N, C-alpha and C. Protein backbone atom coordinates (compact mmCIF):
# COMPACT_ATOMS: atom_id res chain seq x y z
N MET A 1 -4.77 -35.00 -29.42
CA MET A 1 -4.67 -33.63 -29.02
C MET A 1 -3.43 -33.19 -28.43
N THR A 2 -3.21 -31.81 -28.42
CA THR A 2 -1.76 -31.51 -28.08
C THR A 2 -1.78 -30.69 -26.79
N ASP A 3 -0.51 -30.69 -26.26
CA ASP A 3 -0.33 -29.95 -24.90
C ASP A 3 -0.30 -28.55 -25.14
N LEU A 4 -0.94 -27.91 -24.36
CA LEU A 4 -1.04 -26.56 -24.75
C LEU A 4 -0.24 -25.71 -23.68
N THR A 5 0.44 -26.33 -22.69
CA THR A 5 1.39 -25.60 -21.82
C THR A 5 2.53 -25.00 -22.43
N ALA A 6 2.86 -23.61 -22.01
CA ALA A 6 3.84 -22.98 -22.60
C ALA A 6 5.28 -23.38 -21.75
N SER A 7 6.28 -23.40 -22.92
CA SER A 7 7.68 -23.64 -22.27
C SER A 7 8.06 -22.79 -21.73
N ALA A 8 8.86 -23.01 -20.64
CA ALA A 8 9.64 -22.07 -19.82
C ALA A 8 10.62 -21.12 -20.60
N ASP A 9 11.08 -21.86 -21.72
CA ASP A 9 11.89 -21.16 -22.56
C ASP A 9 11.32 -19.85 -23.21
N LEU A 10 9.98 -19.97 -23.58
CA LEU A 10 9.08 -19.05 -24.20
C LEU A 10 9.04 -17.87 -23.54
N LEU A 11 8.94 -18.16 -22.10
CA LEU A 11 8.46 -17.07 -21.22
C LEU A 11 9.77 -16.30 -20.80
N ARG A 12 10.85 -16.77 -21.07
CA ARG A 12 12.11 -15.97 -20.78
C ARG A 12 12.45 -14.87 -21.67
N ALA A 13 12.90 -13.80 -21.00
CA ALA A 13 13.42 -12.78 -21.94
C ALA A 13 14.67 -13.27 -22.85
N PRO A 14 14.69 -12.66 -24.10
CA PRO A 14 16.15 -12.82 -24.60
C PRO A 14 17.46 -12.54 -23.82
N GLN A 15 18.58 -13.31 -24.04
CA GLN A 15 19.62 -13.22 -23.32
C GLN A 15 20.09 -11.68 -23.80
N GLY A 16 20.54 -10.96 -22.66
CA GLY A 16 21.05 -9.58 -22.97
C GLY A 16 19.74 -8.34 -22.78
N VAL A 17 18.45 -8.80 -22.68
CA VAL A 17 17.52 -8.09 -22.70
C VAL A 17 17.07 -7.96 -21.26
N SER A 18 17.00 -6.84 -20.50
CA SER A 18 16.61 -6.52 -19.29
C SER A 18 14.92 -6.39 -19.06
N THR A 19 14.31 -7.22 -18.24
CA THR A 19 12.80 -6.81 -18.31
C THR A 19 12.45 -5.99 -17.14
N THR A 20 13.73 -5.68 -16.26
CA THR A 20 13.20 -4.54 -15.00
C THR A 20 13.71 -3.33 -15.54
N PRO A 21 13.01 -2.34 -15.15
CA PRO A 21 13.46 -0.98 -15.50
C PRO A 21 14.73 -0.66 -14.94
N LYS A 22 15.71 0.06 -15.53
CA LYS A 22 16.91 0.46 -15.01
C LYS A 22 16.66 1.21 -13.78
N GLY A 23 17.52 0.96 -12.64
CA GLY A 23 17.43 1.85 -11.56
C GLY A 23 16.22 1.58 -10.64
N ALA A 24 15.51 0.46 -10.85
CA ALA A 24 14.49 0.10 -9.94
C ALA A 24 14.89 -0.28 -8.72
N SER A 25 14.68 0.54 -7.70
CA SER A 25 15.25 0.36 -6.39
C SER A 25 14.05 -0.16 -5.42
N ALA A 26 14.43 -0.63 -4.39
CA ALA A 26 13.59 -1.11 -3.27
C ALA A 26 12.62 0.15 -3.07
N GLU A 27 13.08 1.15 -2.93
CA GLU A 27 12.20 2.26 -2.41
C GLU A 27 11.23 2.60 -3.50
N LYS A 28 11.48 2.57 -4.67
CA LYS A 28 10.50 2.81 -5.84
C LYS A 28 9.62 1.66 -6.11
N ILE A 29 10.12 0.59 -5.75
CA ILE A 29 9.11 -0.76 -5.69
C ILE A 29 8.13 -0.50 -4.34
N LYS A 30 8.56 -0.03 -3.25
CA LYS A 30 7.66 0.14 -2.21
C LYS A 30 6.72 1.17 -2.48
N GLN A 31 7.21 2.20 -2.92
CA GLN A 31 6.06 3.39 -3.37
C GLN A 31 5.04 2.96 -4.34
N THR A 32 5.33 1.99 -5.37
CA THR A 32 4.61 1.54 -6.38
C THR A 32 3.65 0.44 -5.60
N ALA A 33 4.24 -0.16 -4.60
CA ALA A 33 3.19 -1.13 -3.79
C ALA A 33 2.27 -0.38 -3.07
N GLU A 34 2.47 0.75 -2.55
CA GLU A 34 1.59 1.51 -1.48
C GLU A 34 0.78 2.12 -2.35
N ALA A 35 1.12 2.71 -3.57
CA ALA A 35 0.05 3.24 -4.73
C ALA A 35 -0.89 2.32 -4.89
N PHE A 36 -0.38 0.95 -5.29
CA PHE A 36 -1.43 0.00 -5.47
C PHE A 36 -2.28 -0.34 -4.41
N GLU A 37 -1.99 -0.40 -3.14
CA GLU A 37 -2.81 -0.59 -2.01
C GLU A 37 -3.90 0.66 -1.89
N ALA A 38 -3.27 1.82 -2.21
CA ALA A 38 -4.18 3.13 -2.07
C ALA A 38 -5.28 2.98 -3.06
N THR A 39 -5.00 2.56 -4.33
CA THR A 39 -5.84 2.44 -5.36
C THR A 39 -6.90 1.27 -5.09
N PHE A 40 -6.40 0.17 -4.45
CA PHE A 40 -7.35 -0.80 -4.19
C PHE A 40 -8.16 -0.31 -2.93
N LEU A 41 -7.65 0.34 -1.99
CA LEU A 41 -8.71 0.73 -0.89
C LEU A 41 -9.67 1.88 -1.50
N SER A 42 -9.21 2.76 -2.27
CA SER A 42 -10.13 3.63 -2.95
C SER A 42 -11.21 3.02 -3.45
N GLN A 43 -11.15 2.00 -4.46
CA GLN A 43 -12.05 1.36 -4.99
C GLN A 43 -13.10 0.32 -4.01
N MET A 44 -12.36 -0.03 -2.90
CA MET A 44 -13.17 -0.46 -1.88
C MET A 44 -14.00 0.21 -0.97
N LEU A 45 -13.70 1.57 -1.14
CA LEU A 45 -14.29 2.60 -0.19
C LEU A 45 -15.46 3.26 -1.16
N LYS A 46 -15.49 3.26 -2.31
CA LYS A 46 -16.41 3.90 -3.30
C LYS A 46 -17.85 3.43 -3.17
N PRO A 47 -18.14 2.01 -2.88
CA PRO A 47 -19.60 1.48 -2.81
C PRO A 47 -19.97 2.12 -1.39
N MET A 48 -19.30 2.40 -0.41
CA MET A 48 -19.63 2.67 0.69
C MET A 48 -20.24 4.01 0.79
N PHE A 49 -19.87 5.13 -0.11
CA PHE A 49 -20.36 6.24 -0.20
C PHE A 49 -21.46 6.46 -1.17
N GLU A 50 -21.63 5.63 -2.02
CA GLU A 50 -22.51 5.71 -3.12
C GLU A 50 -24.00 5.85 -2.73
N GLY A 51 -24.53 5.49 -1.71
CA GLY A 51 -25.90 5.58 -1.23
C GLY A 51 -26.12 6.91 -0.15
N LEU A 52 -25.06 7.55 0.03
CA LEU A 52 -25.11 8.87 0.94
C LEU A 52 -25.72 9.84 0.43
N SER A 53 -26.85 10.51 1.08
CA SER A 53 -27.51 11.72 0.54
C SER A 53 -26.49 12.89 0.99
N THR A 54 -26.34 14.06 0.03
CA THR A 54 -25.66 15.09 0.21
C THR A 54 -26.53 16.16 0.42
N ASP A 55 -27.97 16.12 0.63
CA ASP A 55 -28.59 17.10 0.82
C ASP A 55 -29.05 17.54 2.12
N GLY A 56 -28.15 17.39 3.08
CA GLY A 56 -28.58 17.79 4.60
C GLY A 56 -27.97 19.53 4.61
N LEU A 57 -28.00 19.68 6.00
CA LEU A 57 -27.55 21.05 6.52
C LEU A 57 -26.39 21.36 6.07
N PHE A 58 -25.35 20.40 6.22
CA PHE A 58 -24.00 20.86 5.94
C PHE A 58 -23.52 19.74 4.52
N GLY A 59 -24.45 19.34 3.82
CA GLY A 59 -24.41 18.61 2.58
C GLY A 59 -23.64 19.46 1.47
N GLY A 60 -22.92 18.77 0.69
CA GLY A 60 -22.38 19.67 -0.47
C GLY A 60 -22.98 19.47 -1.61
N GLY A 61 -24.13 18.70 -1.73
CA GLY A 61 -24.88 18.83 -3.12
C GLY A 61 -24.03 18.15 -4.22
N GLN A 62 -24.30 18.62 -5.46
CA GLN A 62 -23.75 18.05 -6.50
C GLN A 62 -22.22 18.35 -6.36
N GLY A 63 -21.73 19.35 -6.00
CA GLY A 63 -20.31 19.59 -5.72
C GLY A 63 -19.64 18.56 -4.84
N GLU A 64 -20.32 18.13 -3.86
CA GLU A 64 -19.63 16.96 -3.12
C GLU A 64 -19.75 15.73 -3.73
N ALA A 65 -20.74 15.43 -4.65
CA ALA A 65 -20.75 14.27 -5.64
C ALA A 65 -19.63 14.30 -6.51
N THR A 66 -19.37 15.53 -7.03
CA THR A 66 -18.23 15.70 -8.15
C THR A 66 -16.92 15.40 -7.50
N TRP A 67 -16.80 15.68 -6.26
CA TRP A 67 -15.34 15.85 -5.78
C TRP A 67 -15.23 14.51 -4.86
N ARG A 68 -16.19 13.68 -4.66
CA ARG A 68 -16.09 12.54 -3.89
C ARG A 68 -15.02 11.51 -3.98
N SER A 69 -14.76 11.38 -5.38
CA SER A 69 -13.67 10.56 -5.86
C SER A 69 -12.17 11.09 -5.34
N PHE A 70 -12.00 12.22 -5.24
CA PHE A 70 -10.64 12.86 -4.83
C PHE A 70 -10.66 12.55 -3.35
N LEU A 71 -11.80 12.82 -2.61
CA LEU A 71 -11.83 12.47 -1.11
C LEU A 71 -11.45 11.14 -0.79
N LEU A 72 -11.79 10.14 -1.58
CA LEU A 72 -11.89 8.78 -1.43
C LEU A 72 -10.44 8.55 -1.74
N ASP A 73 -9.74 8.95 -2.79
CA ASP A 73 -8.26 8.86 -2.89
C ASP A 73 -7.55 9.37 -1.87
N GLU A 74 -7.76 10.54 -1.31
CA GLU A 74 -6.91 10.97 -0.11
C GLU A 74 -7.19 10.11 1.13
N MET A 75 -8.30 9.63 1.25
CA MET A 75 -8.63 8.62 2.36
C MET A 75 -7.81 7.67 2.42
N ALA A 76 -7.68 6.85 1.25
CA ALA A 76 -7.00 5.53 1.04
C ALA A 76 -5.55 6.09 1.19
N LYS A 77 -5.11 7.21 0.56
CA LYS A 77 -3.67 7.51 0.69
C LYS A 77 -3.15 7.62 2.36
N LYS A 78 -3.99 8.28 3.08
CA LYS A 78 -3.86 8.48 4.33
C LYS A 78 -4.02 7.22 5.27
N THR A 79 -4.91 6.27 4.92
CA THR A 79 -4.72 5.04 5.45
C THR A 79 -3.64 4.07 5.33
N VAL A 80 -3.06 4.36 4.12
CA VAL A 80 -1.87 3.54 3.64
C VAL A 80 -0.74 4.31 4.43
N ALA A 81 -0.65 5.57 4.67
CA ALA A 81 0.34 6.25 5.29
C ALA A 81 0.55 5.84 6.77
N ALA A 82 -0.72 5.56 7.14
CA ALA A 82 -0.79 5.15 8.75
C ALA A 82 -0.59 3.74 8.96
N GLY A 83 -0.33 3.03 7.86
CA GLY A 83 -0.16 1.56 8.05
C GLY A 83 -0.72 0.74 7.13
N GLY A 84 -1.98 1.10 6.57
CA GLY A 84 -2.59 0.28 5.62
C GLY A 84 -3.30 -0.78 6.25
N ILE A 85 -3.61 -1.80 5.13
CA ILE A 85 -4.40 -2.81 5.53
C ILE A 85 -3.67 -4.06 5.33
N GLY A 86 -2.26 -4.00 5.10
CA GLY A 86 -1.25 -4.99 5.05
C GLY A 86 -1.16 -5.54 3.58
N LEU A 87 -1.58 -4.64 2.65
CA LEU A 87 -1.56 -5.21 1.23
C LEU A 87 -0.16 -4.93 0.56
N ALA A 88 0.33 -3.82 0.92
CA ALA A 88 1.54 -3.16 0.24
C ALA A 88 2.80 -4.24 0.46
N GLY A 89 2.77 -4.79 1.70
CA GLY A 89 3.89 -5.70 1.95
C GLY A 89 4.27 -6.96 1.12
N PRO A 90 2.95 -7.76 0.96
CA PRO A 90 3.04 -8.73 0.07
C PRO A 90 3.31 -8.42 -1.34
N VAL A 91 2.67 -7.66 -1.75
CA VAL A 91 2.63 -6.91 -3.25
C VAL A 91 4.32 -6.68 -3.51
N MET A 92 4.86 -5.76 -2.59
CA MET A 92 6.24 -5.34 -2.68
C MET A 92 7.29 -6.70 -2.74
N THR A 93 6.96 -7.74 -1.80
CA THR A 93 7.69 -8.89 -1.85
C THR A 93 7.44 -9.66 -3.20
N GLU A 94 6.56 -9.73 -3.63
CA GLU A 94 6.26 -10.46 -5.06
C GLU A 94 6.91 -9.52 -6.09
N MET A 95 6.95 -8.39 -6.29
CA MET A 95 7.56 -7.39 -7.16
C MET A 95 9.09 -7.50 -6.85
N LEU A 96 9.47 -7.82 -5.86
CA LEU A 96 11.06 -7.96 -5.67
C LEU A 96 11.49 -9.29 -6.03
N LYS A 97 10.67 -10.25 -5.97
CA LYS A 97 10.70 -11.69 -6.59
C LYS A 97 10.67 -11.82 -7.87
N MET A 98 9.93 -10.93 -8.42
CA MET A 98 9.79 -11.09 -10.02
C MET A 98 11.07 -10.22 -10.57
N GLN A 99 11.56 -9.16 -9.91
CA GLN A 99 12.51 -8.45 -10.37
C GLN A 99 13.91 -9.52 -10.32
N GLU A 100 14.07 -10.16 -9.34
CA GLU A 100 15.25 -11.16 -8.96
C GLU A 100 15.02 -12.21 -10.03
N GLY A 101 13.94 -12.68 -10.28
CA GLY A 101 13.78 -13.65 -11.20
C GLY A 101 14.12 -13.41 -12.55
N ALA A 102 13.92 -12.06 -12.90
CA ALA A 102 14.12 -11.61 -14.38
C ALA A 102 15.55 -11.15 -14.45
N GLN A 103 16.42 -11.37 -13.53
CA GLN A 103 17.92 -10.84 -13.71
C GLN A 103 18.71 -12.00 -14.00
């Protein structure tokens, strides 16, 4: 039987080739990490609203169901802007480590 582990040399980028985007700043990485957290929150909120009836006195009917995903996205973005659930920080840290390791 042969060993199937990959050599560390195979995982490295060739010399002279940068794997990080040019001009990737800490601010851009922070924005990306926060966008990831917002997307995660939006997906976690989706099941919470699936069983709700929209046929009440102030229910929006089919229109509300159509636009619900936009509402969830905005709720998630506002949650992240208010401090989030603490996911963006570790994601940003890992992204920075990956960027430093690639240089």
